[in-house]
Amino acid sequence: MPHYFTLEEAEALLPRLRGVLQEIQQERQKLREVEDELDALQVQALGNGHRSRARIVELQETMERHIERFTMLLGQVQALGCELKDPDMGLVDFLSLRAGREVYLCWRLGEEHIAFWHDLSAGFAGRQPL
């Protein structure tokens, strides 16, 4: 049976979620930077050969560490029982009941409180004020 969050339960998780989501966003940015450098080096290595090889290996190892950290942080969000919908926006949904039907309480990083909900199929575009 799924866990349905009350508004109070979901709000109580926000301080913890803020920190984890900020770390997730930082890890995603670091991953993008490593991927960009790795892509450029791999193209360069086609003509250059071995000189870029050590840096490519180093970047691949760095990327693996960032992926592991990112995965661990995602696990922290999932362990709280909520759903991370968009890591770049810091968008999180909390399964809840409203007038006897399943809905999501919807919050995103930067918002002080949970002030919106939407139908399960509506997504962020369908947010409505509580």
Protein backbone atom coordinates (compact mmCIF):
# COMPACT_ATOMS: atom_id res chain seq x y z
CA MET A 1 0.00 0.00 0.00
CA PRO A 2 1.47 3.38 -0.92
CA HIS A 3 2.25 6.02 1.65
CA TYR A 4 0.12 9.14 1.33
CA PHE A 5 1.77 12.29 2.61
CA THR A 6 -0.13 14.88 4.54
CA LEU A 7 0.89 18.44 3.81
CA GLU A 8 2.55 18.60 7.23
CA GLU A 9 4.58 15.41 6.62
CA ALA A 10 5.77 16.64 3.25
CA GLU A 11 6.64 20.10 4.61
CA ALA A 12 8.70 18.49 7.38
CA LEU A 13 10.97 16.92 4.73
CA LEU A 14 11.75 20.19 2.93
CA PRO A 15 14.81 21.22 4.97
CA ARG A 16 16.47 17.87 4.31
CA LEU A 17 15.38 17.83 0.65
CA ARG A 18 16.80 21.28 0.00
CA GLY A 19 20.31 20.17 0.91
CA VAL A 20 20.13 16.91 -1.02
CA LEU A 21 18.68 18.59 -4.11
CA GLN A 22 21.37 21.24 -4.10
CA GLU A 23 23.99 18.49 -3.98
CA ILE A 24 22.24 16.65 -6.81
CA GLN A 25 22.32 19.78 -8.93
CA GLN A 26 26.01 20.31 -8.15
CA GLU A 27 26.84 16.73 -9.11
CA ARG A 28 24.89 17.06 -12.37
CA GLN A 29 26.80 20.22 -13.21
CA LYS A 30 30.13 18.56 -12.46
CA LEU A 31 29.12 15.59 -14.62
CA ARG A 32 28.26 17.89 -17.52
CA GLU A 33 31.62 19.64 -17.23
CA VAL A 34 33.53 16.35 -17.20
CA GLU A 35 31.47 15.03 -20.13
CA ASP A 36 32.17 18.17 -22.16
CA GLU A 37 35.91 17.95 -21.55
CA LEU A 38 35.91 14.22 -22.22
CA ASP A 39 34.04 14.67 -25.51
CA ALA A 40 36.53 17.34 -26.64
CA LEU A 41 39.52 15.21 -25.68
CA GLN A 42 38.18 12.13 -27.41
CA VAL A 43 37.81 14.07 -30.65
CA GLN A 44 41.31 15.50 -30.20
CA ALA A 45 42.72 12.06 -29.42
CA LEU A 46 41.64 10.77 -32.81
CA GLY A 47 44.33 12.92 -34.40
CA ASN A 48 46.72 13.26 -31.47
CA GLY A 49 46.96 9.72 -30.20
CA HIS A 50 48.48 8.91 -26.83
CA ARG A 51 49.06 12.39 -25.37
CA SER A 52 45.41 12.78 -24.34
CA ARG A 53 44.98 9.18 -23.20
CA ALA A 54 45.97 9.71 -19.54
CA ARG A 55 43.62 12.68 -19.18
CA ILE A 56 40.78 10.72 -20.77
CA VAL A 57 41.25 7.88 -18.28
CA GLU A 58 41.37 10.38 -15.40
CA LEU A 59 38.16 12.05 -16.59
CA GLN A 60 36.41 8.69 -16.97
CA GLU A 61 37.31 7.82 -13.36
CA THR A 62 36.12 11.24 -12.20
CA MET A 63 32.85 10.75 -14.05
CA GLU A 64 32.34 7.37 -12.37
CA ARG A 65 32.78 8.98 -8.94
CA HIS A 66 30.24 11.70 -9.78
CA ILE A 67 27.77 9.11 -11.05
CA GLU A 68 28.15 7.07 -7.85
CA ARG A 69 27.59 10.19 -5.72
CA PHE A 70 24.62 11.24 -7.85
CA THR A 71 23.09 7.77 -7.52
CA MET A 72 23.59 7.80 -3.75
CA LEU A 73 21.87 11.20 -3.49
CA LEU A 74 18.95 9.98 -5.59
CA GLY A 75 18.64 7.07 -3.18
CA GLN A 76 18.37 9.53 -0.30
CA VAL A 77 15.43 11.25 -1.98
CA GLN A 78 13.74 7.94 -2.74
CA ALA A 79 14.26 6.78 0.86
CA LEU A 80 12.16 9.74 2.00
CA GLY A 81 9.26 8.35 -0.03
CA CYS A 82 8.88 11.27 -2.42
CA GLU A 83 9.53 11.35 -6.17
CA LEU A 84 12.19 13.48 -7.83
CA LYS A 85 10.59 14.54 -11.11
CA ASP A 86 13.22 16.94 -12.46
CA PRO A 87 16.67 17.19 -10.85
CA ASP A 88 17.58 20.35 -12.75
CA MET A 89 14.52 22.19 -11.44
CA GLY A 90 14.66 20.44 -8.07
CA LEU A 91 11.06 19.34 -8.69
CA VAL A 92 9.63 16.87 -6.16
CA ASP A 93 6.18 15.27 -5.87
CA PHE A 94 4.63 13.75 -2.76
CA LEU A 95 1.81 11.24 -3.22
CA SER A 96 -1.21 12.46 -1.28
CA LEU A 97 -4.99 12.24 -1.07
CA ARG A 98 -7.22 15.18 -1.93
CA ALA A 99 -10.99 14.79 -1.69
CA GLY A 100 -10.49 11.01 -1.61
CA ARG A 101 -8.40 10.71 -4.78
CA GLU A 102 -4.68 10.30 -5.36
CA VAL A 103 -2.82 13.48 -6.28
CA TYR A 104 0.67 14.85 -5.92
CA LEU A 105 1.68 17.66 -3.63
CA CYS A 106 4.16 19.50 -5.80
CA TRP A 107 7.21 21.48 -4.66
CA ARG A 108 10.36 22.72 -6.27
CA LEU A 109 13.64 23.96 -4.93
CA GLY A 110 13.45 27.69 -4.25
CA GLU A 111 9.85 27.61 -3.06
CA GLU A 112 9.54 28.24 0.65
CA HIS A 113 6.57 25.92 1.22
CA ILE A 114 4.46 23.41 -0.63
CA ALA A 115 1.76 25.51 -2.20
CA PHE A 116 0.64 23.41 -5.17
CA TRP A 117 -0.87 20.06 -6.09
CA HIS A 118 -1.67 18.34 -9.39
CA ASP A 119 -3.36 15.21 -10.71
CA LEU A 120 -1.11 12.20 -11.16
CA SER A 121 -1.14 12.61 -14.92
CA ALA A 122 -1.00 16.42 -15.07
CA GLY A 123 2.61 17.09 -14.14
CA PHE A 124 4.18 20.45 -13.39
CA ALA A 125 2.14 22.27 -16.04
CA GLY A 126 -1.05 21.21 -14.26
CA ARG A 127 -0.11 22.60 -10.85
CA GLN A 128 -2.94 24.21 -8.92
CA PRO A 129 -2.77 26.22 -5.70
CA LEU A 130 -3.64 24.35 -2.51
